[in-house]
Amino acid sequence: MLEVIIERWTNPDGSTDYMWSVWQSGNRIQMSGTYPTSDAAEADAFEFCTETLNGTPDRVSRL
């Protein structure tokens, strides 16, 4: 199973960053840098899965 997790980080200055990680069979295989929106992070995660893993995630979880 391929899962994308979108994480939201609130910074001390009040700004928010989003990051994604891709997990396969319970193992993290890739993690991103920061993005200004959740949608931007998710779009890049899908692009990574499509181009690198030749597929799309089975599940997207948001933390």
Protein backbone atom coordinates (compact mmCIF):
# COMPACT_ATOMS: atom_id res chain seq x y z
CA MET A 1 0.00 0.00 0.00
CA LEU A 2 1.22 3.47 -0.91
CA GLU A 3 0.27 6.31 1.43
CA VAL A 4 0.93 10.05 1.33
CA ILE A 5 0.93 11.92 4.63
CA ILE A 6 0.54 15.70 4.58
CA GLU A 7 1.89 17.35 7.73
CA ARG A 8 1.07 20.85 8.94
CA TRP A 9 3.69 22.70 10.96
CA THR A 10 2.89 25.94 12.77
CA ASN A 11 5.99 28.07 13.21
CA PRO A 12 6.79 30.34 16.18
CA ASP A 13 6.18 33.40 13.99
CA GLY A 14 2.61 32.25 13.31
CA SER A 15 3.22 31.07 9.74
CA THR A 16 2.31 27.57 8.62
CA ASP A 17 4.30 25.17 6.47
CA TYR A 18 3.15 21.92 4.88
CA MET A 19 5.28 18.89 4.08
CA TRP A 20 4.56 15.49 2.59
CA SER A 21 6.00 12.05 3.10
CA VAL A 22 5.41 8.89 1.10
CA TRP A 23 5.09 5.56 2.87
CA GLN A 24 5.07 2.10 1.33
CA SER A 25 4.18 -0.95 3.42
CA GLY A 26 4.85 0.97 6.64
CA ASN A 27 8.24 2.37 5.58
CA ARG A 28 8.87 6.00 4.74
CA ILE A 29 10.51 6.19 1.33
CA GLN A 30 10.59 9.96 0.72
CA MET A 31 10.01 13.25 2.53
CA SER A 32 9.63 16.73 1.06
CA GLY A 33 10.67 20.22 1.93
CA THR A 34 8.10 22.86 2.88
CA TYR A 35 5.16 24.21 0.87
CA PRO A 36 2.93 27.23 1.48
CA THR A 37 -0.35 25.27 1.15
CA SER A 38 -1.65 21.79 1.77
CA ASP A 39 -2.84 21.55 -1.83
CA ALA A 40 0.63 22.40 -3.17
CA ALA A 41 2.21 19.73 -0.97
CA GLU A 42 -0.34 17.13 -2.05
CA ALA A 43 0.08 17.95 -5.74
CA ASP A 44 3.84 17.54 -5.50
CA ALA A 45 3.48 14.27 -3.58
CA PHE A 46 1.23 12.89 -6.33
CA GLU A 47 3.75 14.03 -8.93
CA PHE A 48 6.53 12.24 -7.04
CA CYS A 49 4.48 9.03 -6.86
CA THR A 50 3.57 9.17 -10.53
CA GLU A 51 7.05 9.93 -11.82
CA THR A 52 9.13 7.89 -9.37
CA LEU A 53 6.87 5.01 -8.32
CA ASN A 54 4.74 4.75 -11.47
CA GLY A 55 1.48 4.92 -9.52
CA THR A 56 -0.80 6.99 -7.34
CA PRO A 57 -1.28 6.73 -3.59
CA ASP A 58 -3.89 4.40 -2.19
CA ARG A 59 -4.53 6.82 0.66
CA VAL A 60 -3.83 10.43 1.65
CA SER A 61 -3.73 11.28 5.37
CA ARG A 62 -3.52 14.80 6.78
CA LEU A 63 -1.92 15.52 10.13
